[in-house]
């Protein structure tokens, strides 16, 4: 059977591309080897947020006396949390399958490999059957980086070492959890297990946590979790995994920390091997599929969206990249812009970031001004956070007076940051933002407070 479009991969990039294409009338098939919804829905974004919400409710119950709420001794039911997580995932997976059916998309379950091309288009083999399409969107996602550290292979096989997949199904709360990697996934899981009772140690090679997040925000986040009992080992390199411990080096000296379980969370790599890219000549760049601003690869009518192109490994970026690709397939001019992609860390407090940080602005030679204000300027924040230390930092380009970055740590940051992203995307100037009326009392007013630190 010949299709207008085959999408290889059913994660956020893949299923949304298929939905949009099917809705536009293209005869579309999407091929998924594991679960529709991909890592994000099944083993990442959604299940981790479900766990973190349970942790937040538990934390509020356990420490409600600060707000005049007294409860008997609160406890966490880990089995119930995992069961609820599975229910949430199943509900959303069912919804995606329904949306694909509604848009007349054919869902093919199995491993898809590109076999080449013929007069009708590109051939993709799945379960000994061949599917052909005039166009391809490659959306095979990413997989955890698993470094060749001594004892890692044995630890993964025994279950002592986990990736994001296994830890989200863990039904026992480990007494001692070591998290290798202080990025978003590692921090969110450290936050959850710290809240529900584990002694958590985070080992990070860099001299700060949270990757490219603004350094001041990262420092506040780390201090919050140090107060809660998380132990951070920065500028430290893991050298060996033992049966019940993790060995690492710091400033040339060897150390060891006890572990009942280990989360390996040092990054992700695009899945480009074993899918037949070489058979049609798709160009790679350091293991990533090379694309232009429309999502096109070097091969005619072949696009790559989502983590597989390695540009911005976020589900919401993948959504937009797929929309851009489908629009161009349909003959609508559209390009992908990456200047205002929000990023969130769903810890408690939350972190929201968009645009340039001070560090990235300096590296690019951008002449900027910065204003940083305490979240205590927000009446609602003060009402809801006893002793909170959140901040909001805004960057503007000096000459144009346009907002180029916004970074915050505090309640609702994940929901507020999109408004700052819109301001950056639409190139709003200081004077334009000052004219916006924010609802009161809200935490989002903190952006207005920061903007009024600047002259027009």
Foldseek 3Di string as FASTA:
>chain_A
DEWAEEEEAQALLRLLLLLVLLQVPTAYEYEHADARRPCCLQQHVQLLVLLQVQLVVQVCQCPVVVVPDDDDHGADQLVVSLVVSVVSSVVVSVVSVVSSVVSNYHYHYAHWAWDAADPRATWIDGPNDIYGHNFYEYEHAWDADQDPAAPSVVCVVVQQEAESRVVSNDRDQWQEEEEEAQAQSSVSSQQSSLSNHHQYEYEHLAQFHHPPAFRVQRVQVVVVVVVSRYHYHYNKAFRYDDPFWTWIDDPRDIDIDGHSHYYYHHDIAAPDPPRHCVNQPQDDDPQAGDADQQQDTPGPNYGYAECRNVPDNDSVRSSVSSVSNSCVSVVHHDGDDQQFDWDWRPHVFIKIKTFDHPVRCVVVVFAKDKFKDFLVVFPVQCSVDPPDGKMKMWMAGVPLQFTGMIIITGPPNVVLSVVVSVSNVVRPHLVRVLPDDDDPRDSSCNVNVRSVVDDD
